[in-house]
Protein backbone atom coordinates (compact mmCIF):
# COMPACT_ATOMS: atom_id res chain seq x y z
CA MET A 1 3.76 -37.75 -16.97
CA ALA A 2 5.05 -35.95 -20.04
CA MET A 3 8.65 -36.54 -21.05
CA CYS A 4 11.04 -33.85 -19.83
CA ALA A 5 13.99 -32.52 -21.79
CA LEU A 6 17.46 -33.55 -20.72
CA ASN A 7 18.54 -31.94 -17.42
CA GLU A 8 15.04 -30.58 -16.65
CA VAL A 9 13.84 -31.29 -13.14
CA LYS A 10 10.69 -33.39 -12.80
CA GLY A 11 7.94 -32.45 -10.40
CA MET A 12 7.17 -33.89 -7.01
CA LYS A 13 5.98 -37.45 -6.51
CA LEU A 14 3.89 -37.94 -3.37
CA LYS A 15 4.71 -40.65 -0.86
CA MET A 16 2.32 -43.53 -1.33
CA ARG A 17 -0.73 -44.23 0.83
CA GLU A 18 -0.64 -41.42 3.39
CA ALA A 19 -3.33 -39.34 5.08
CA GLY A 20 -3.63 -35.90 6.62
CA ILE A 21 -6.02 -33.34 8.07
CA LEU A 22 -6.91 -29.84 6.88
CA LEU A 23 -7.21 -27.34 9.74
CA HIS A 24 -5.99 -23.76 9.61
CA ILE A 25 -3.94 -22.28 12.44
CA SER A 26 -6.68 -19.80 13.30
CA SER A 27 -9.06 -22.73 13.88
CA LEU A 28 -6.92 -24.33 16.58
CA PRO A 29 -8.32 -24.07 20.14
CA GLY A 30 -6.22 -21.09 21.22
CA PRO A 31 -7.09 -19.73 24.67
CA TYR A 32 -7.32 -16.06 23.65
CA GLY A 33 -9.94 -16.23 20.92
CA ILE A 34 -7.90 -17.48 17.95
CA GLY A 35 -5.62 -20.40 17.19
CA THR A 36 -1.90 -19.68 17.53
CA LEU A 37 1.55 -21.24 17.24
CA GLY A 38 1.40 -22.09 20.92
CA GLN A 39 0.71 -25.21 22.97
CA THR A 40 -2.55 -26.12 21.22
CA ALA A 41 -0.64 -26.30 17.92
CA TYR A 42 1.82 -28.73 19.50
CA ASP A 43 -1.10 -30.69 20.92
CA PHE A 44 -2.58 -30.90 17.42
CA VAL A 45 0.71 -32.21 16.04
CA ASP A 46 0.57 -34.91 18.74
CA PHE A 47 -3.02 -35.68 17.74
CA LEU A 48 -1.97 -36.05 14.11
CA SER A 49 0.99 -38.24 14.94
CA GLN A 50 -0.96 -40.48 17.31
CA SER A 51 -3.77 -40.93 14.78
CA GLY A 52 -1.37 -41.97 12.02
CA GLN A 53 -1.56 -38.75 9.99
CA LYS A 54 1.52 -37.65 8.07
CA VAL A 55 0.36 -34.29 6.70
CA TRP A 56 -1.08 -31.16 8.29
CA GLN A 57 -2.57 -28.87 5.65
CA ILE A 58 -3.13 -25.21 6.47
CA LEU A 59 -4.31 -22.10 4.62
CA PRO A 60 -2.11 -19.08 3.77
CA ILE A 61 -0.48 -17.57 6.86
CA GLY A 62 -0.12 -13.91 5.85
CA PRO A 63 -1.54 -10.93 7.79
CA THR A 64 -5.17 -10.42 6.79
CA SER A 65 -7.12 -7.24 6.19
CA TYR A 66 -10.68 -6.41 5.11
CA GLY A 67 -12.80 -9.56 5.00
CA ASP A 68 -10.26 -11.53 7.11
CA SER A 69 -9.42 -13.76 4.14
CA PRO A 70 -6.01 -15.45 4.25
CA TYR A 71 -6.17 -15.42 0.44
CA SER A 72 -6.08 -11.62 0.43
CA ALA A 73 -3.11 -10.84 2.65
CA LEU A 74 -1.31 -7.58 3.23
CA SER A 75 1.86 -9.48 2.33
CA ASN A 76 2.56 -12.86 0.79
CA PHE A 77 5.89 -13.04 2.60
CA ALA A 78 4.93 -11.98 6.14
CA GLY A 79 3.30 -14.05 8.87
CA ASN A 80 0.09 -13.10 10.65
CA PRO A 81 0.95 -11.55 14.06
CA LEU A 82 -2.42 -12.77 15.38
CA PHE A 83 -0.91 -16.26 15.36
CA ILE A 84 1.87 -15.33 17.79
CA ASP A 85 1.55 -17.27 21.03
CA LEU A 86 1.32 -14.87 23.98
CA ASP A 87 2.05 -17.46 26.68
CA GLU A 88 5.49 -18.03 25.18
CA LEU A 89 6.17 -14.30 25.42
CA VAL A 90 5.59 -14.57 29.17
CA VAL A 91 8.10 -17.43 29.43
CA GLU A 92 10.64 -15.38 27.47
CA LYS A 93 10.00 -12.35 29.71
CA TYR A 94 8.79 -10.07 26.93
CA ILE A 95 5.60 -9.52 28.94
CA GLU A 96 4.27 -10.41 32.39
CA ARG A 97 1.38 -12.75 33.06
CA LYS A 98 -0.76 -9.83 34.20
CA ASP A 99 -0.47 -8.42 30.65
CA LEU A 100 -2.34 -11.38 29.14
CA PRO A 101 -5.96 -10.86 28.08
CA GLU A 102 -8.80 -12.90 29.54
CA LYS A 103 -9.14 -16.40 28.17
CA ILE A 104 -12.01 -17.07 25.76
CA GLN A 105 -13.82 -20.30 24.93
CA ASN A 106 -15.26 -19.51 21.51
CA ARG A 107 -16.50 -21.35 18.42
CA LYS A 108 -16.37 -18.28 16.17
CA ILE A 109 -13.46 -15.87 15.83
CA ASP A 110 -14.17 -12.18 16.30
CA PHE A 111 -11.25 -10.86 14.26
CA ALA A 112 -11.79 -7.17 15.06
CA TYR A 113 -11.85 -7.81 18.82
CA ILE A 114 -8.91 -10.23 18.73
CA SER A 115 -6.83 -7.72 16.76
CA SER A 116 -7.50 -4.95 19.25
CA ILE A 117 -6.48 -6.94 22.31
CA LYS A 118 -3.60 -8.83 20.67
CA TYR A 119 -1.74 -5.85 19.29
CA GLU A 120 -2.00 -4.12 22.64
CA VAL A 121 -0.13 -7.02 24.25
CA LEU A 122 2.34 -7.31 21.36
CA HIS A 123 3.17 -3.62 21.73
CA LYS A 124 4.09 -4.21 25.37
CA ALA A 125 6.34 -7.05 24.23
CA PHE A 126 8.06 -4.75 21.75
CA LEU A 127 8.90 -2.28 24.50
CA ASN A 128 10.98 -5.06 26.06
CA TYR A 129 12.54 -6.33 22.82
CA LYS A 130 16.10 -5.43 23.83
CA ILE A 131 16.38 -8.63 25.82
CA ASN A 132 16.84 -10.32 22.42
CA GLU A 133 18.18 -7.41 20.40
CA LYS A 134 20.99 -9.33 18.66
CA ALA A 135 18.68 -12.08 17.38
CA LEU A 136 16.17 -9.50 16.16
CA TYR A 137 18.69 -7.58 14.05
CA LYS A 138 20.06 -10.82 12.61
CA PHE A 139 16.54 -11.75 11.49
CA ILE A 140 15.96 -8.29 9.97
CA GLU A 141 19.14 -8.58 7.94
CA LYS A 142 18.27 -12.07 6.72
CA GLU A 143 14.74 -11.13 5.58
CA LYS A 144 15.35 -7.53 4.49
CA ASN A 145 14.44 -8.15 0.83
CA TRP A 146 10.75 -8.24 1.74
CA LEU A 147 10.67 -7.18 5.40
CA GLU A 148 11.85 -3.61 4.88
CA ASP A 149 9.06 -2.83 2.40
CA TYR A 150 6.44 -4.66 4.44
CA ALA A 151 7.22 -2.86 7.72
CA LEU A 152 7.31 0.55 6.01
CA PHE A 153 4.05 -0.29 4.23
CA MET A 154 2.33 -1.14 7.53
CA VAL A 155 3.51 2.07 9.19
CA LEU A 156 2.45 4.25 6.27
CA LYS A 157 -0.89 2.48 6.18
CA ARG A 158 -1.38 3.36 9.84
CA GLU A 159 -0.36 6.97 9.23
CA HIS A 160 -2.93 7.17 6.40
CA GLU A 161 -5.76 6.02 8.72
CA ASN A 162 -5.53 2.45 7.42
CA LYS A 163 -6.50 3.48 3.89
CA PRO A 164 -5.25 1.32 0.99
CA TRP A 165 -1.90 2.47 -0.43
CA TYR A 166 -3.45 3.71 -3.68
CA GLU A 167 -5.32 6.35 -1.62
CA TRP A 168 -2.19 7.63 0.15
CA TYR A 169 -0.47 10.96 -0.46
CA ASP A 170 1.20 10.85 -3.87
CA ASP A 171 4.75 10.91 -2.54
CA PHE A 172 4.14 7.65 -0.70
CA LYS A 173 1.76 6.14 -3.25
CA TYR A 174 4.36 6.58 -6.00
CA ARG A 175 7.26 5.70 -3.70
CA LYS A 176 9.23 8.93 -4.11
CA TYR A 177 12.72 8.21 -2.81
CA GLU A 178 13.13 11.32 -0.65
CA SER A 179 9.74 10.82 1.01
CA LEU A 180 10.38 7.16 1.77
CA GLU A 181 13.77 7.99 3.27
CA TRP A 182 12.13 10.67 5.42
CA ALA A 183 9.49 8.15 6.59
CA LYS A 184 12.13 5.54 7.43
CA ASN A 185 13.84 8.04 9.71
CA GLU A 186 10.67 9.64 11.12
CA PHE A 187 8.97 6.32 11.95
CA LYS A 188 12.03 4.13 12.58
CA ASP A 189 10.75 2.88 15.94
CA SER A 190 7.35 1.95 14.50
CA ILE A 191 9.02 0.22 11.54
CA LEU A 192 11.17 -1.75 13.96
CA GLU A 193 8.04 -2.77 15.85
CA TYR A 194 6.48 -4.38 12.77
CA GLU A 195 9.78 -6.11 12.06
CA PHE A 196 9.78 -7.34 15.64
CA TYR A 197 6.35 -8.93 15.20
CA GLN A 198 7.68 -10.85 12.20
CA PHE A 199 10.70 -11.90 14.22
CA LEU A 200 8.41 -13.38 16.86
CA PHE A 201 6.19 -15.07 14.29
CA PHE A 202 8.99 -16.71 12.31
CA ARG A 203 10.82 -17.87 15.42
CA GLN A 204 7.67 -19.52 16.78
CA TRP A 205 6.81 -20.91 13.35
CA ASN A 206 10.21 -22.52 12.82
CA LYS A 207 10.08 -24.07 16.26
CA LEU A 208 6.63 -25.57 15.60
CA LYS A 209 7.60 -26.86 12.16
CA LYS A 210 10.68 -28.55 13.61
CA TYR A 211 8.50 -30.25 16.24
CA ALA A 212 6.04 -31.42 13.59
CA ASN A 213 8.80 -32.86 11.42
CA GLN A 214 10.40 -34.60 14.39
CA ASN A 215 7.05 -36.27 15.03
CA GLY A 216 6.64 -37.49 11.46
CA VAL A 217 4.25 -34.72 10.35
CA ARG A 218 4.88 -32.60 7.24
CA ILE A 219 3.19 -29.22 6.80
CA LEU A 220 1.39 -28.56 3.53
CA GLY A 221 1.14 -24.79 3.09
CA ASP A 222 -0.92 -22.77 0.65
CA MET A 223 0.11 -19.98 -1.73
CA PRO A 224 -2.55 -17.83 -3.41
CA ILE A 225 -1.88 -17.24 -7.11
CA TYR A 226 -2.71 -13.53 -6.90
CA CYS A 227 -1.70 -10.71 -4.60
CA ALA A 228 -4.21 -8.39 -2.97
CA TYR A 229 -4.22 -4.96 -4.61
CA ASP A 230 -3.81 -3.38 -1.17
CA SER A 231 -0.64 -5.25 -0.26
CA SER A 232 3.02 -4.48 0.21
CA ASP A 233 3.67 -6.88 -2.69
CA VAL A 234 1.91 -4.65 -5.22
CA TRP A 235 2.96 -1.35 -3.60
CA ALA A 236 6.65 -2.31 -3.56
CA ASN A 237 6.68 -3.97 -7.01
CA PRO A 238 4.13 -2.14 -9.20
CA SER A 239 5.93 -3.00 -12.44
CA ASN A 240 5.11 -6.68 -11.83
CA PHE A 241 1.42 -5.91 -12.34
CA LEU A 242 -0.77 -4.49 -15.11
CA LEU A 243 -1.29 -1.00 -13.69
CA ASP A 244 -1.83 2.28 -15.51
CA GLU A 245 0.17 5.51 -14.99
CA PHE A 246 -1.91 6.26 -11.87
CA LEU A 247 -1.21 2.74 -10.51
CA ASN A 248 -4.79 1.62 -11.04
CA PRO A 249 -5.27 -1.94 -12.34
CA THR A 250 -6.16 -2.14 -16.02
CA LEU A 251 -7.36 -5.73 -15.67
CA VAL A 252 -8.38 -7.69 -12.59
CA ALA A 253 -8.76 -11.38 -11.82
CA GLY A 254 -11.88 -13.48 -11.45
CA CYS A 255 -13.85 -16.37 -12.89
CA PRO A 256 -16.40 -16.40 -15.73
CA PRO A 257 -20.12 -16.99 -15.18
CA ASP A 258 -21.08 -20.65 -14.77
CA ALA A 259 -23.91 -22.83 -13.52
CA PHE A 260 -23.27 -21.73 -9.94
CA THR A 261 -22.57 -18.00 -10.34
CA GLU A 262 -24.62 -16.18 -12.96
CA GLU A 263 -22.40 -13.08 -12.91
CA GLY A 264 -19.14 -14.96 -12.40
CA GLN A 265 -16.64 -14.11 -9.68
CA LEU A 266 -14.98 -10.69 -9.53
CA TRP A 267 -11.95 -11.09 -7.26
CA GLY A 268 -10.41 -7.70 -8.00
CA ASN A 269 -6.74 -8.73 -7.76
CA PRO A 270 -4.46 -7.01 -10.28
CA ILE A 271 -3.18 -9.23 -13.10
CA TYR A 272 0.54 -9.94 -13.38
CA ASN A 273 2.66 -8.28 -16.03
CA TYR A 274 3.98 -11.59 -17.32
CA ALA A 275 5.72 -9.97 -20.30
CA LYS A 276 7.88 -7.94 -17.91
CA MET A 277 8.43 -10.89 -15.58
CA GLU A 278 9.62 -13.05 -18.46
CA GLN A 279 12.48 -10.63 -19.09
CA ASP A 280 14.18 -11.48 -15.79
CA LYS A 281 13.20 -15.16 -15.95
CA TYR A 282 10.36 -14.81 -13.43
CA SER A 283 12.75 -13.98 -10.59
CA TRP A 284 9.98 -12.59 -8.36
CA TRP A 285 8.01 -15.83 -8.66
CA VAL A 286 11.08 -17.97 -7.98
CA TRP A 287 11.84 -15.85 -4.92
CA ARG A 288 8.25 -16.15 -3.69
CA VAL A 289 8.14 -19.94 -4.08
CA GLU A 290 11.58 -20.31 -2.52
CA HIS A 291 10.46 -18.25 0.49
CA SER A 292 7.31 -20.37 0.89
CA LEU A 293 9.24 -23.64 0.71
CA ARG A 294 11.40 -22.46 3.61
CA LEU A 295 8.20 -22.33 5.66
CA PHE A 296 6.43 -25.45 4.42
CA ASP A 297 7.42 -29.01 3.59
CA ILE A 298 4.98 -29.05 0.66
CA LEU A 299 3.50 -26.05 -1.14
CA ARG A 300 0.03 -25.99 -2.69
CA ILE A 301 -0.29 -23.38 -5.43
CA ASP A 302 -3.83 -22.06 -5.56
CA HIS A 303 -5.73 -21.63 -8.88
CA PHE A 304 -3.09 -23.43 -10.94
CA ARG A 305 -5.23 -23.19 -14.06
CA GLY A 306 -4.45 -19.45 -14.12
CA PHE A 307 -0.89 -20.21 -15.25
CA ALA A 308 -2.15 -21.92 -18.40
CA GLY A 309 -4.79 -19.29 -19.11
CA TYR A 310 -6.34 -16.65 -16.86
CA TYR A 311 -9.63 -14.82 -16.89
CA ALA A 312 -9.09 -11.06 -17.12
CA ILE A 313 -11.83 -8.52 -16.39
CA PRO A 314 -11.73 -4.79 -17.19
CA SER A 315 -11.10 -3.07 -13.87
CA GLN A 316 -14.11 -0.76 -14.17
CA ASP A 317 -16.60 -3.64 -14.55
CA LYS A 318 -19.04 -4.40 -11.73
CA ASN A 319 -19.17 -8.15 -12.40
CA ALA A 320 -17.21 -10.81 -14.31
CA LYS A 321 -19.46 -11.07 -17.38
CA GLY A 322 -17.28 -8.84 -19.54
CA GLY A 323 -14.04 -10.72 -18.95
CA HIS A 324 -11.97 -12.65 -21.45
CA TRP A 325 -9.34 -15.38 -21.43
CA GLU A 326 -5.65 -14.59 -21.78
CA LYS A 327 -2.77 -17.01 -22.26
CA GLY A 328 -0.72 -17.49 -19.07
CA PRO A 329 3.06 -17.90 -18.72
CA GLY A 330 2.72 -21.68 -18.96
CA TYR A 331 5.63 -24.02 -18.50
CA ALA A 332 8.28 -21.28 -18.95
CA LEU A 333 7.53 -20.08 -15.39
CA PHE A 334 7.66 -23.51 -13.79
CA LYS A 335 10.72 -24.51 -15.76
CA GLU A 336 12.52 -21.66 -13.98
CA ILE A 337 11.09 -22.70 -10.59
CA ASN A 338 11.97 -26.37 -11.04
CA SER A 339 15.48 -25.65 -12.30
CA ARG A 340 16.37 -23.00 -9.70
CA ILE A 341 14.73 -24.62 -6.64
CA LYS A 342 15.97 -28.17 -6.43
CA SER A 343 13.47 -30.78 -5.22
CA ALA A 344 10.67 -28.22 -4.96
CA LYS A 345 7.72 -30.05 -3.41
CA ILE A 346 4.72 -28.42 -5.11
CA VAL A 347 1.07 -29.46 -5.41
CA ALA A 348 -1.21 -27.88 -8.01
CA GLU A 349 -4.78 -26.87 -7.16
CA ASN A 350 -6.09 -27.94 -10.55
CA LEU A 351 -9.75 -27.13 -9.98
CA GLY A 352 -12.23 -24.81 -11.67
CA PHE A 353 -12.85 -24.41 -15.41
CA LEU A 354 -10.30 -26.86 -16.82
CA THR A 355 -9.25 -26.96 -20.46
CA GLU A 356 -6.75 -29.13 -22.31
CA ASP A 357 -3.92 -26.63 -21.84
CA VAL A 358 -4.30 -26.94 -18.05
CA PHE A 359 -3.91 -30.73 -18.18
CA GLU A 360 -0.91 -30.36 -20.50
CA LEU A 361 0.75 -27.87 -18.14
CA LEU A 362 0.19 -30.14 -15.15
CA GLU A 363 1.81 -33.03 -17.04
CA GLN A 364 4.75 -30.88 -18.10
CA CYS A 365 5.36 -29.72 -14.54
CA GLY A 366 4.87 -33.18 -13.06
CA TYR A 367 3.07 -31.75 -10.02
CA PRO A 368 0.43 -33.75 -8.16
CA GLY A 369 -3.14 -32.51 -8.68
CA MET A 370 -6.30 -32.77 -6.60
CA HIS A 371 -9.65 -34.58 -6.54
CA ILE A 372 -12.58 -33.32 -4.46
CA PHE A 373 -15.33 -35.80 -3.57
CA GLN A 374 -17.99 -33.11 -3.84
CA PHE A 375 -16.80 -32.05 -7.30
CA GLU A 376 -16.74 -35.62 -8.55
CA LEU A 377 -20.50 -35.51 -8.07
CA GLY A 378 -20.84 -32.06 -9.61
CA ASP A 379 -21.83 -30.46 -6.30
CA GLY A 380 -25.00 -32.54 -6.39
CA LYS A 381 -26.29 -30.85 -9.52
CA LYS A 382 -24.95 -33.28 -12.10
CA ASN A 383 -25.12 -37.04 -12.09
CA VAL A 384 -21.41 -37.74 -12.58
CA PRO A 385 -20.48 -41.33 -11.61
CA LEU A 386 -18.00 -41.62 -8.77
CA ARG A 387 -16.61 -44.94 -9.96
CA LYS A 388 -13.89 -43.57 -12.25
CA PRO A 389 -10.26 -44.39 -11.32
CA PHE A 390 -8.07 -41.67 -9.82
CA LYS A 391 -4.39 -41.23 -10.58
CA GLU A 392 -1.98 -42.29 -7.85
CA ASN A 393 0.07 -39.08 -7.75
CA THR A 394 -2.86 -36.96 -6.57
CA ILE A 395 -4.51 -35.81 -3.34
CA PHE A 396 -8.10 -36.87 -2.62
CA TYR A 397 -10.25 -34.59 -0.44
CA SER A 398 -13.76 -34.89 0.92
CA GLY A 399 -13.86 -31.09 0.54
CA THR A 400 -11.69 -28.01 0.98
CA HIS A 401 -12.01 -24.67 2.78
CA ASP A 402 -14.26 -23.43 -0.05
CA ASN A 403 -16.69 -26.36 0.07
CA GLN A 404 -19.65 -27.21 2.21
CA THR A 405 -18.96 -29.58 5.05
CA ILE A 406 -19.44 -33.10 3.77
CA LEU A 407 -22.50 -33.64 5.98
CA SER A 408 -24.29 -30.55 4.64
CA PHE A 409 -23.31 -31.56 1.11
CA TYR A 410 -24.83 -35.01 1.62
CA HIS A 411 -28.08 -33.70 3.10
CA GLU A 412 -28.55 -31.25 0.22
CA LEU A 413 -28.12 -33.85 -2.52
CA ASN A 414 -31.13 -34.57 -4.68
CA GLU A 415 -32.69 -38.00 -4.18
CA GLU A 416 -31.03 -39.56 -7.22
CA ASN A 417 -27.53 -38.48 -6.25
CA ARG A 418 -28.03 -39.37 -2.61
CA LYS A 419 -28.92 -42.92 -3.63
CA LEU A 420 -25.78 -43.00 -5.76
CA VAL A 421 -23.62 -41.85 -2.84
CA ASP A 422 -25.37 -44.29 -0.48
CA SER A 423 -24.62 -47.14 -2.87
CA ILE A 424 -20.99 -46.31 -3.54
CA CYS A 425 -20.10 -45.31 0.03
CA LYS A 426 -22.20 -48.08 1.62
CA ILE A 427 -24.29 -45.70 3.68
CA HIS A 428 -27.08 -47.50 5.54
CA PHE A 429 -29.04 -46.18 8.50
CA PRO A 430 -27.87 -45.62 11.24
CA ALA A 431 -24.37 -45.17 9.75
CA SER A 432 -22.90 -41.67 9.84
CA PRO A 433 -22.81 -40.43 6.21
CA ASN A 434 -19.79 -38.22 6.84
CA LEU A 435 -17.67 -41.10 8.11
CA LYS A 436 -18.72 -43.43 5.30
CA ILE A 437 -17.80 -40.81 2.72
CA ILE A 438 -14.45 -40.24 4.46
CA GLU A 439 -13.74 -43.97 4.22
CA TYR A 440 -14.61 -43.88 0.53
CA CYS A 441 -12.00 -41.13 0.13
CA PHE A 442 -9.44 -43.20 2.06
CA LYS A 443 -10.00 -46.17 -0.28
CA GLN A 444 -9.02 -44.32 -3.45
CA GLU A 445 -5.76 -44.85 -5.30
CA SER A 446 -4.64 -41.27 -4.67
CA ALA A 447 -1.34 -41.27 -2.82
CA LEU A 448 -2.54 -38.79 -0.22
CA CYS A 449 -5.99 -38.36 1.34
CA ILE A 450 -6.74 -35.17 3.26
CA ILE A 451 -9.93 -34.58 5.25
CA PRO A 452 -11.04 -31.28 6.86
CA LEU A 453 -11.43 -31.75 10.60
CA GLN A 454 -15.04 -30.48 10.36
CA ASP A 455 -15.92 -33.54 8.29
CA TYR A 456 -14.56 -35.91 10.94
CA LEU A 457 -16.60 -34.04 13.54
CA GLY A 458 -19.78 -34.34 11.46
CA LEU A 459 -20.46 -30.59 11.44
CA THR A 460 -22.99 -28.81 9.25
CA ASP A 461 -22.29 -25.62 7.32
CA SER A 462 -23.76 -23.46 10.06
CA GLU A 463 -21.33 -25.00 12.55
CA GLY A 464 -18.16 -25.49 10.58
CA ARG A 465 -18.04 -24.08 7.06
CA MET A 466 -14.83 -22.12 6.58
CA ASN A 467 -15.65 -20.07 3.49
CA THR A 468 -18.41 -19.49 0.97
CA PRO A 469 -16.77 -18.20 -2.24
CA SER A 470 -17.88 -14.84 -3.65
CA THR A 471 -19.22 -13.70 -0.28
CA ILE A 472 -17.76 -11.29 2.28
CA GLY A 473 -18.57 -11.57 5.97
CA ASN A 474 -19.21 -14.60 8.13
CA ASN A 475 -16.21 -16.43 6.66
CA TRP A 476 -12.91 -17.78 8.04
CA GLY A 477 -14.15 -17.75 11.64
CA TYR A 478 -14.45 -21.49 12.41
CA LYS A 479 -12.63 -22.44 15.61
CA THR A 480 -12.26 -25.66 17.57
CA LEU A 481 -12.20 -26.32 21.33
CA PRO A 482 -9.98 -28.84 23.16
CA MET A 483 -13.01 -31.11 23.70
CA ASP A 484 -13.19 -31.75 19.93
CA PHE A 485 -9.99 -33.80 19.97
CA THR A 486 -11.28 -36.86 21.78
CA GLU A 487 -9.58 -40.19 22.29
CA ASP A 488 -12.43 -41.86 20.39
CA LEU A 489 -11.83 -39.64 17.36
CA LYS A 490 -8.11 -40.27 17.50
CA LYS A 491 -8.68 -44.04 17.67
CA TYR A 492 -11.17 -43.92 14.79
CA ILE A 493 -8.81 -42.00 12.50
CA LEU A 494 -5.95 -44.36 13.36
CA LYS A 495 -8.22 -47.34 12.70
CA ILE A 496 -9.26 -46.29 9.18
CA THR A 497 -5.73 -45.12 8.40
CA LYS A 498 -4.46 -48.64 9.09
CA LYS A 499 -7.49 -50.30 7.48
CA TYR A 500 -6.86 -48.57 4.15
CA HIS A 501 -3.08 -48.86 4.41
CA ARG A 502 -2.33 -45.17 4.67
């Protein structure tokens, strides 16, 4: 780790020899078509605890929009109302049992259908909110810095037929004061309803997190580096982004062409106005990280390399070929975060096109980085030896939400690389390749080892892949059933956790 100046706060050091599981909330076996913060989440915490796991890693928890991606949320501060547990609302007398939808046993989430039935029930709950009116208004006051804009944004979006904010009437698009004040009065009940949904989400979330912590499980949350263009974050804070006089992005985010994507990746998120943010010492970023660390025990910052240097693409381009590299805010941003948020537990997703400035920034910050088994082999397209040592203060994964399942990865290796993996991971017929690779991950020196549940279950891409980058549709829908969490699986995970001293 690089030397820090006097009085500067060093980054997080992971606890040694621990293990965890990656499974998003939506993928839990919820009874109404999607995983929630209800009983199945508590059951999963029990499963983690009883199998010796100390960390539960999830994906971003914001409300999703087109494409259903949690990395493109309508707000980076709000929670997804689809995760609210309906059964608890019955217990609390917000709704009656007859209001509940039919139970569904599904392996794939139908987001459009779930949204339609869930919001219908949540609306009924709102009509009875006065049974907890005092607690609701206390929450609204506490979270007003982001909640007021978010709730108004959601109502105006509805009134504009769900169009993105940059296609709204000019008075609302440009946030004219008189028009916003009129809307706050005209739609005050609807605004309160969206605030109520956040009240329910955060109350259920805090209760679940407390239970996890009491059972020795820490939650590792995820924060996307960029904001979706169609989000309350950009609408409410346009000066934080590189937008022209008509609030159109001048530059958008993405990745350059490489061996895997000939045209690169065009994400479309507006680029931050770092020059403006520097003037107030990156207060918005500090606020955002602080908010996230109230929700999670550990925070993973996605696409960390973008803070050293980011790939910027002219907004009118149809692909990423015409982009260029720009210097990021670097350590100045994280110096503010580390100094103003004491003991901030942050993990850097240091993947992608890495250059020396990225490694230097990671050392300056002192944050743990990541290793991905599949990337150590070059996704099967390069013969990169797996025998190199890995730093202790890192997290080792078999794969992440963006990777193939480990079984599909193994089966698609060329013959040379498969022999290499067989040799290093001691895979001999009839051994299960996925389990042997998982044990290889457990053996590494990395302080923390995290495995996606799909890899434990031995699923293929068609059964369990969460996301295929640069594609829209057929992503994010993986869901488990109660039968997946067997006693045999629990015993196996506990066995290898003890065997490799995690």
